[in-house]
Amino acid sequence: MTEKSPLDWIALVLVIIGGLNWGIVGVAGSGLVEAIFGSQMATLSRFVYILVGLSALYMIYFAMKE
């Protein structure tokens, strides 16, 4: 097993947050990101979603390189 870099850990945490968010949206109809940042912080929420998406792409790369 290879040692994980800080980027690997950050991407993993963001993908987990994204997965939990989708689970909460499915169950409660409202997302975790909106609950944390509120609807007034739409730009910040969008940035978090972009980071989660990029992290998912990175995790695909990470899974393929192993």
N, C-alpha and C. Protein backbone atom coordinates (compact mmCIF):
# COMPACT_ATOMS: atom_id res chain seq x y z
N MET A 1 0.85 -1.18 0.00
CA MET A 1 0.00 0.00 0.00
C MET A 1 0.89 1.24 0.00
N THR A 2 0.56 2.20 -0.86
CA THR A 2 1.37 3.41 -0.94
C THR A 2 0.91 4.42 0.10
N GLU A 3 1.85 5.25 0.50
CA GLU A 3 1.52 6.30 1.46
C GLU A 3 0.73 7.40 0.76
N LYS A 4 -0.26 7.93 1.44
CA LYS A 4 -1.12 8.95 0.85
C LYS A 4 -0.55 10.35 1.12
N SER A 5 -0.61 11.18 0.08
CA SER A 5 -0.13 12.56 0.21
C SER A 5 -1.24 13.41 0.84
N PRO A 6 -0.90 14.63 1.27
CA PRO A 6 -1.95 15.52 1.79
C PRO A 6 -3.07 15.77 0.76
N LEU A 7 -2.72 15.86 -0.53
CA LEU A 7 -3.73 16.04 -1.56
C LEU A 7 -4.67 14.85 -1.62
N ASP A 8 -4.13 13.64 -1.47
CA ASP A 8 -4.96 12.43 -1.44
C ASP A 8 -5.98 12.50 -0.30
N TRP A 9 -5.52 12.90 0.88
CA TRP A 9 -6.40 12.97 2.05
C TRP A 9 -7.46 14.05 1.88
N ILE A 10 -7.08 15.21 1.36
CA ILE A 10 -8.04 16.30 1.15
C ILE A 10 -9.11 15.86 0.16
N ALA A 11 -8.69 15.24 -0.94
CA ALA A 11 -9.65 14.77 -1.94
C ALA A 11 -10.57 13.72 -1.34
N LEU A 12 -10.04 12.82 -0.55
CA LEU A 12 -10.86 11.78 0.07
C LEU A 12 -11.90 12.39 1.00
N VAL A 13 -11.50 13.33 1.83
CA VAL A 13 -12.44 13.98 2.76
C VAL A 13 -13.54 14.71 1.98
N LEU A 14 -13.16 15.43 0.92
CA LEU A 14 -14.16 16.15 0.14
C LEU A 14 -15.13 15.20 -0.58
N VAL A 15 -14.63 14.07 -1.05
CA VAL A 15 -15.52 13.09 -1.69
C VAL A 15 -16.47 12.49 -0.65
N ILE A 16 -15.99 12.25 0.54
CA ILE A 16 -16.86 11.74 1.61
C ILE A 16 -17.93 12.77 1.95
N ILE A 17 -17.54 14.04 2.06
CA ILE A 17 -18.52 15.10 2.32
C ILE A 17 -19.56 15.15 1.20
N GLY A 18 -19.10 15.03 -0.05
CA GLY A 18 -20.03 15.02 -1.18
C GLY A 18 -21.00 13.86 -1.12
N GLY A 19 -20.49 12.69 -0.80
CA GLY A 19 -21.36 11.51 -0.69
C GLY A 19 -22.37 11.65 0.43
N LEU A 20 -21.93 12.15 1.58
CA LEU A 20 -22.86 12.38 2.68
C LEU A 20 -23.91 13.44 2.31
N ASN A 21 -23.47 14.46 1.60
CA ASN A 21 -24.40 15.50 1.17
C ASN A 21 -25.49 14.92 0.28
N TRP A 22 -25.11 14.09 -0.69
CA TRP A 22 -26.11 13.49 -1.57
C TRP A 22 -27.05 12.57 -0.79
N GLY A 23 -26.52 11.88 0.20
CA GLY A 23 -27.37 11.04 1.04
C GLY A 23 -28.38 11.87 1.82
N ILE A 24 -27.94 13.00 2.36
CA ILE A 24 -28.83 13.88 3.10
C ILE A 24 -29.87 14.49 2.17
N VAL A 25 -29.46 14.89 0.96
CA VAL A 25 -30.41 15.42 -0.02
C VAL A 25 -31.47 14.37 -0.33
N GLY A 26 -31.06 13.12 -0.49
CA GLY A 26 -32.01 12.06 -0.79
C GLY A 26 -32.98 11.79 0.34
N VAL A 27 -32.52 11.89 1.56
CA VAL A 27 -33.38 11.59 2.71
C VAL A 27 -34.19 12.80 3.15
N ALA A 28 -33.53 13.96 3.26
CA ALA A 28 -34.19 15.13 3.85
C ALA A 28 -34.60 16.18 2.84
N GLY A 29 -34.09 16.11 1.62
CA GLY A 29 -34.42 17.10 0.62
C GLY A 29 -33.63 18.39 0.72
N SER A 30 -32.69 18.46 1.63
CA SER A 30 -31.87 19.66 1.81
C SER A 30 -30.43 19.22 2.01
N GLY A 31 -29.49 19.99 1.46
CA GLY A 31 -28.10 19.57 1.47
C GLY A 31 -27.31 20.05 2.67
N LEU A 32 -26.22 19.36 2.92
CA LEU A 32 -25.31 19.68 4.01
C LEU A 32 -24.61 21.01 3.78
N VAL A 33 -24.22 21.27 2.54
CA VAL A 33 -23.50 22.51 2.23
C VAL A 33 -24.39 23.71 2.49
N GLU A 34 -25.66 23.65 2.08
CA GLU A 34 -26.58 24.75 2.34
C GLU A 34 -26.83 24.91 3.83
N ALA A 35 -26.87 23.79 4.56
CA ALA A 35 -27.09 23.87 6.00
C ALA A 35 -25.92 24.57 6.70
N ILE A 36 -24.71 24.33 6.19
CA ILE A 36 -23.53 24.94 6.81
C ILE A 36 -23.40 26.41 6.41
N PHE A 37 -23.50 26.70 5.10
CA PHE A 37 -23.23 28.04 4.61
C PHE A 37 -24.48 28.89 4.44
N GLY A 38 -25.66 28.29 4.40
CA GLY A 38 -26.89 29.05 4.23
C GLY A 38 -27.11 29.44 2.78
N SER A 39 -28.32 29.86 2.49
CA SER A 39 -28.65 30.21 1.11
C SER A 39 -28.04 31.55 0.70
N GLN A 40 -27.66 32.40 1.65
CA GLN A 40 -27.05 33.68 1.32
C GLN A 40 -25.63 33.51 0.77
N MET A 41 -25.02 32.40 1.03
CA MET A 41 -23.63 32.15 0.61
C MET A 41 -23.60 31.27 -0.63
N ALA A 42 -24.42 31.58 -1.62
CA ALA A 42 -24.55 30.74 -2.82
C ALA A 42 -23.22 30.59 -3.55
N THR A 43 -22.43 31.66 -3.63
CA THR A 43 -21.14 31.58 -4.32
C THR A 43 -20.20 30.64 -3.58
N LEU A 44 -20.16 30.72 -2.27
CA LEU A 44 -19.31 29.84 -1.49
C LEU A 44 -19.78 28.39 -1.60
N SER A 45 -21.09 28.18 -1.57
CA SER A 45 -21.63 26.83 -1.73
C SER A 45 -21.24 26.25 -3.09
N ARG A 46 -21.33 27.08 -4.12
CA ARG A 46 -20.97 26.62 -5.47
C ARG A 46 -19.49 26.25 -5.52
N PHE A 47 -18.64 27.03 -4.87
CA PHE A 47 -17.21 26.74 -4.82
C PHE A 47 -16.96 25.40 -4.13
N VAL A 48 -17.68 25.13 -3.04
CA VAL A 48 -17.53 23.85 -2.33
C VAL A 48 -17.93 22.70 -3.26
N TYR A 49 -19.03 22.87 -4.00
CA TYR A 49 -19.47 21.82 -4.93
C TYR A 49 -18.42 21.59 -6.03
N ILE A 50 -17.81 22.65 -6.50
CA ILE A 50 -16.76 22.51 -7.52
C ILE A 50 -15.57 21.74 -6.93
N LEU A 51 -15.17 22.07 -5.71
CA LEU A 51 -14.07 21.35 -5.06
C LEU A 51 -14.40 19.87 -4.88
N VAL A 52 -15.63 19.57 -4.50
CA VAL A 52 -16.04 18.17 -4.33
C VAL A 52 -15.99 17.44 -5.67
N GLY A 53 -16.45 18.09 -6.74
CA GLY A 53 -16.41 17.48 -8.07
C GLY A 53 -14.99 17.22 -8.53
N LEU A 54 -14.11 18.20 -8.33
CA LEU A 54 -12.70 18.02 -8.70
C LEU A 54 -12.06 16.90 -7.87
N SER A 55 -12.45 16.83 -6.61
CA SER A 55 -11.93 15.76 -5.75
C SER A 55 -12.38 14.39 -6.24
N ALA A 56 -13.62 14.30 -6.72
CA ALA A 56 -14.11 13.03 -7.25
C ALA A 56 -13.30 12.62 -8.48
N LEU A 57 -13.02 13.59 -9.36
CA LEU A 57 -12.18 13.29 -10.54
C LEU A 57 -10.79 12.84 -10.11
N TYR A 58 -10.23 13.50 -9.11
CA TYR A 58 -8.91 13.11 -8.61
C TYR A 58 -8.95 11.70 -8.02
N MET A 59 -10.03 11.36 -7.32
CA MET A 59 -10.13 10.03 -6.72
C MET A 59 -10.24 8.95 -7.79
N ILE A 60 -10.85 9.27 -8.93
CA ILE A 60 -10.87 8.32 -10.05
C ILE A 60 -9.44 8.08 -10.52
N TYR A 61 -8.67 9.15 -10.69
CA TYR A 61 -7.26 9.02 -11.07
C TYR A 61 -6.51 8.22 -10.02
N PHE A 62 -6.72 8.53 -8.75
CA PHE A 62 -6.02 7.85 -7.65
C PHE A 62 -6.34 6.36 -7.65
N ALA A 63 -7.60 6.01 -7.89
CA ALA A 63 -7.99 4.59 -7.91
C ALA A 63 -7.36 3.86 -9.08
N MET A 64 -7.20 4.54 -10.21
CA MET A 64 -6.62 3.90 -11.39
C MET A 64 -5.10 3.73 -11.28
N LYS A 65 -4.44 4.61 -10.57
CA LYS A 65 -2.98 4.50 -10.48
C LYS A 65 -2.54 3.41 -9.52
N GLU A 66 -3.42 2.97 -8.61
CA GLU A 66 -3.06 1.94 -7.64
C GLU A 66 -2.94 0.61 -8.30
